[in-house]
Amino acid sequence: MLLPLPEGPWWDWEVRHYDGSRLTLVADDDLAYHHGLEVVFTDTLYVRCPMHFMDPEFRAPTPEERAEVTRLVGDEPPVLVAFEADGGGTVPAGCLIAAEGWAIRQGRFPRGTSADVR
């Protein structure tokens, strides 16, 4: 699945919240003071990505990745997102997120706020 991201300078990303079920990724051109995009995965089944990453290249999951997630969670999930990103290492990090659902929020969120902060 390719995430239908709105246009923007989304090259700096981080995991803002993860409680074992709900995963919130935030993005902007610089996360020091604010973020402009939130991608919230609900009923998360599997997560493989660094806590902070840059320049993700979202793509369709490979058959091998689909098989890996199906083997680990017991069934193919409704949402399966794959991407490579600069996670700070010498090679791009291969990332995979499986969940029951997702939502995208766009706006101007000051540092320390997100859809998960109540």
C-alpha atoms as a PDB file:
ATOM      1  CA  MET A   1       0.000   0.000   0.000  1.00  0.00           C
ATOM      2  CA  LEU A   2       1.249   3.452  -0.852  1.00  0.00           C
ATOM      3  CA  LEU A   3       0.315   6.137   1.641  1.00  0.00           C
ATOM      4  CA  PRO A   4      -1.575   8.952  -0.101  1.00  0.00           C
ATOM      5  CA  LEU A   5       0.507  11.708   1.466  1.00  0.00           C
ATOM      6  CA  PRO A   6      -0.344  15.319   0.709  1.00  0.00           C
ATOM      7  CA  GLU A   7       2.361  17.368  -0.954  1.00  0.00           C
ATOM      8  CA  GLY A   8       4.797  18.911   1.446  1.00  0.00           C
ATOM      9  CA  PRO A   9       8.348  18.950   2.670  1.00  0.00           C
ATOM     10  CA  TRP A  10       8.068  15.602   4.473  1.00  0.00           C
ATOM     11  CA  TRP A  11      11.700  14.558   4.732  1.00  0.00           C
ATOM     12  CA  ASP A  12      12.250  14.599   8.517  1.00  0.00           C
ATOM     13  CA  TRP A  13      10.177  11.893  10.328  1.00  0.00           C
ATOM     14  CA  GLU A  14       9.929  10.461  13.816  1.00  0.00           C
ATOM     15  CA  VAL A  15       7.821   8.132  15.888  1.00  0.00           C
ATOM     16  CA  ARG A  16       5.955  10.568  18.133  1.00  0.00           C
ATOM     17  CA  HIS A  17       3.802   8.005  19.950  1.00  0.00           C
ATOM     18  CA  TYR A  18       3.566   4.244  20.143  1.00  0.00           C
ATOM     19  CA  ASP A  19       1.641   2.387  22.837  1.00  0.00           C
ATOM     20  CA  GLY A  20       1.669  -1.086  21.293  1.00  0.00           C
ATOM     21  CA  SER A  21      -1.573  -0.446  19.421  1.00  0.00           C
ATOM     22  CA  ARG A  22      -1.557   3.118  18.109  1.00  0.00           C
ATOM     23  CA  LEU A  23       1.495   4.374  16.213  1.00  0.00           C
ATOM     24  CA  THR A  24       1.858   8.055  15.298  1.00  0.00           C
ATOM     25  CA  LEU A  25       4.519   9.151  12.829  1.00  0.00           C
ATOM     26  CA  VAL A  26       5.076  12.897  12.398  1.00  0.00           C
ATOM     27  CA  ALA A  27       6.872  14.676   9.571  1.00  0.00           C
ATOM     28  CA  ASP A  28       7.997  18.054   8.287  1.00  0.00           C
ATOM     29  CA  ASP A  29      11.096  19.668   6.824  1.00  0.00           C
ATOM     30  CA  ASP A  30      12.448  20.203  10.367  1.00  0.00           C
ATOM     31  CA  LEU A  31      10.894  18.746  13.518  1.00  0.00           C
ATOM     32  CA  ALA A  32      12.659  21.075  15.974  1.00  0.00           C
ATOM     33  CA  TYR A  33       9.659  23.351  16.602  1.00  0.00           C
ATOM     34  CA  HIS A  34       6.635  21.871  14.854  1.00  0.00           C
ATOM     35  CA  HIS A  35       5.361  19.245  12.450  1.00  0.00           C
ATOM     36  CA  GLY A  36       2.873  19.548   9.645  1.00  0.00           C
ATOM     37  CA  LEU A  37       1.894  15.939   9.049  1.00  0.00           C
ATOM     38  CA  GLU A  38       0.727  13.082  11.260  1.00  0.00           C
ATOM     39  CA  VAL A  39       0.204   9.521  10.065  1.00  0.00           C
ATOM     40  CA  VAL A  40      -1.674   7.515  12.697  1.00  0.00           C
ATOM     41  CA  PHE A  41      -1.828   3.727  12.438  1.00  0.00           C
ATOM     42  CA  THR A  42      -4.502   2.065  14.584  1.00  0.00           C
ATOM     43  CA  ASP A  43      -4.519  -1.467  15.926  1.00  0.00           C
ATOM     44  CA  THR A  44      -0.903  -1.827  14.862  1.00  0.00           C
ATOM     45  CA  LEU A  45       0.151  -5.439  14.342  1.00  0.00           C
ATOM     46  CA  TYR A  46       3.807  -5.113  13.326  1.00  0.00           C
ATOM     47  CA  VAL A  47       6.348  -2.269  13.249  1.00  0.00           C
ATOM     48  CA  ARG A  48       9.856  -2.287  11.830  1.00  0.00           C
ATOM     49  CA  CYS A  49      11.273   1.224  11.501  1.00  0.00           C
ATOM     50  CA  PRO A  50      13.736   3.492  13.325  1.00  0.00           C
ATOM     51  CA  MET A  51      12.463   6.033  15.841  1.00  0.00           C
ATOM     52  CA  HIS A  52      13.803   8.879  13.675  1.00  0.00           C
ATOM     53  CA  PHE A  53      14.359   8.695   9.928  1.00  0.00           C
ATOM     54  CA  MET A  54      14.696  10.906   6.878  1.00  0.00           C
ATOM     55  CA  ASP A  55      13.710  10.871   3.217  1.00  0.00           C
ATOM     56  CA  PRO A  56      11.417   7.826   3.211  1.00  0.00           C
ATOM     57  CA  GLU A  57      10.636   6.264  -0.155  1.00  0.00           C
ATOM     58  CA  PHE A  58       7.231   4.618   0.180  1.00  0.00           C
ATOM     59  CA  ARG A  59       6.547   1.669  -2.111  1.00  0.00           C
ATOM     60  CA  ALA A  60       4.329  -1.367  -2.473  1.00  0.00           C
ATOM     61  CA  PRO A  61       5.285  -4.260  -0.147  1.00  0.00           C
ATOM     62  CA  THR A  62       7.123  -7.133  -1.808  1.00  0.00           C
ATOM     63  CA  PRO A  63       5.651 -10.654  -1.813  1.00  0.00           C
ATOM     64  CA  GLU A  64       8.368 -11.617   0.703  1.00  0.00           C
ATOM     65  CA  GLU A  65       7.342  -8.809   3.062  1.00  0.00           C
ATOM     66  CA  ARG A  66       3.676  -9.811   2.770  1.00  0.00           C
ATOM     67  CA  ALA A  67       4.619 -13.411   3.585  1.00  0.00           C
ATOM     68  CA  GLU A  68       6.769 -12.286   6.549  1.00  0.00           C
ATOM     69  CA  VAL A  69       3.952 -10.268   8.097  1.00  0.00           C
ATOM     70  CA  THR A  70       1.341 -12.957   7.418  1.00  0.00           C
ATOM     71  CA  ARG A  71       3.586 -15.538   9.098  1.00  0.00           C
ATOM     72  CA  LEU A  72       4.129 -13.283  12.125  1.00  0.00           C
ATOM     73  CA  VAL A  73       0.575 -12.021  12.669  1.00  0.00           C
ATOM     74  CA  GLY A  74      -1.434 -14.946  11.266  1.00  0.00           C
ATOM     75  CA  ASP A  75      -3.226 -13.186   8.406  1.00  0.00           C
ATOM     76  CA  GLU A  76      -2.561 -10.475   5.849  1.00  0.00           C
ATOM     77  CA  PRO A  77      -3.399  -7.136   7.506  1.00  0.00           C
ATOM     78  CA  PRO A  78      -5.715  -4.557   5.924  1.00  0.00           C
ATOM     79  CA  VAL A  79      -2.871  -1.983   5.952  1.00  0.00           C
ATOM     80  CA  LEU A  80       0.697  -2.897   5.018  1.00  0.00           C
ATOM     81  CA  VAL A  81       3.102  -0.015   4.361  1.00  0.00           C
ATOM     82  CA  ALA A  82       6.673  -0.511   3.164  1.00  0.00           C
ATOM     83  CA  PHE A  83       9.443   2.034   2.688  1.00  0.00           C
ATOM     84  CA  GLU A  84      13.180   2.606   2.782  1.00  0.00           C
ATOM     85  CA  ALA A  85      14.570   5.550   4.722  1.00  0.00           C
ATOM     86  CA  ASP A  86      17.768   7.062   6.011  1.00  0.00           C
ATOM     87  CA  GLY A  87      17.829   5.833   9.589  1.00  0.00           C
ATOM     88  CA  GLY A  88      21.337   7.089  10.328  1.00  0.00           C
ATOM     89  CA  GLY A  89      23.173   3.928   9.267  1.00  0.00           C
ATOM     90  CA  THR A  90      25.414   3.204   6.320  1.00  0.00           C
ATOM     91  CA  VAL A  91      22.572   1.626   4.311  1.00  0.00           C
ATOM     92  CA  PRO A  92      18.891   2.586   4.080  1.00  0.00           C
ATOM     93  CA  ALA A  93      16.616   1.051   6.701  1.00  0.00           C
ATOM     94  CA  GLY A  94      13.964  -1.304   5.305  1.00  0.00           C
ATOM     95  CA  CYS A  95      10.730  -0.406   7.088  1.00  0.00           C
ATOM     96  CA  LEU A  96       7.415  -2.188   7.365  1.00  0.00           C
ATOM     97  CA  ILE A  97       4.218  -1.288   9.246  1.00  0.00           C
ATOM     98  CA  ALA A  98       1.140  -3.520   9.473  1.00  0.00           C
ATOM     99  CA  ALA A  99      -2.093  -2.257  11.018  1.00  0.00           C
ATOM    100  CA  GLU A 100      -5.860  -2.494  10.913  1.00  0.00           C
ATOM    101  CA  GLY A 101      -6.323   1.150   9.895  1.00  0.00           C
ATOM    102  CA  TRP A 102      -4.679   4.507   9.349  1.00  0.00           C
ATOM    103  CA  ALA A 103      -5.470   8.216   9.154  1.00  0.00           C
ATOM    104  CA  ILE A 104      -3.578  11.292   7.978  1.00  0.00           C
ATOM    105  CA  ARG A 105      -3.778  14.708   9.633  1.00  0.00           C
ATOM    106  CA  GLN A 106      -2.261  17.823   8.146  1.00  0.00           C
ATOM    107  CA  GLY A 107      -1.854  21.166   9.920  1.00  0.00           C
ATOM    108  CA  ARG A 108       0.654  23.041  12.017  1.00  0.00           C
ATOM    109  CA  PHE A 109       1.285  21.189  15.260  1.00  0.00           C
ATOM    110  CA  PRO A 110       3.717  22.814  17.732  1.00  0.00           C
ATOM    111  CA  ARG A 111       6.425  20.593  19.228  1.00  0.00           C
ATOM    112  CA  GLY A 112       4.955  18.406  21.956  1.00  0.00           C
ATOM    113  CA  THR A 113       1.465  18.117  20.448  1.00  0.00           C
ATOM    114  CA  SER A 114      -0.123  15.460  18.293  1.00  0.00           C
ATOM    115  CA  ALA A 115      -3.387  13.675  17.730  1.00  0.00           C
ATOM    116  CA  ASP A 116      -2.500  11.333  20.577  1.00  0.00           C
ATOM    117  CA  VAL A 117      -1.967  13.981  23.250  1.00  0.00           C
ATOM    118  CA  ARG A 118      -5.187  14.535  25.166  1.00  0.00           C
END
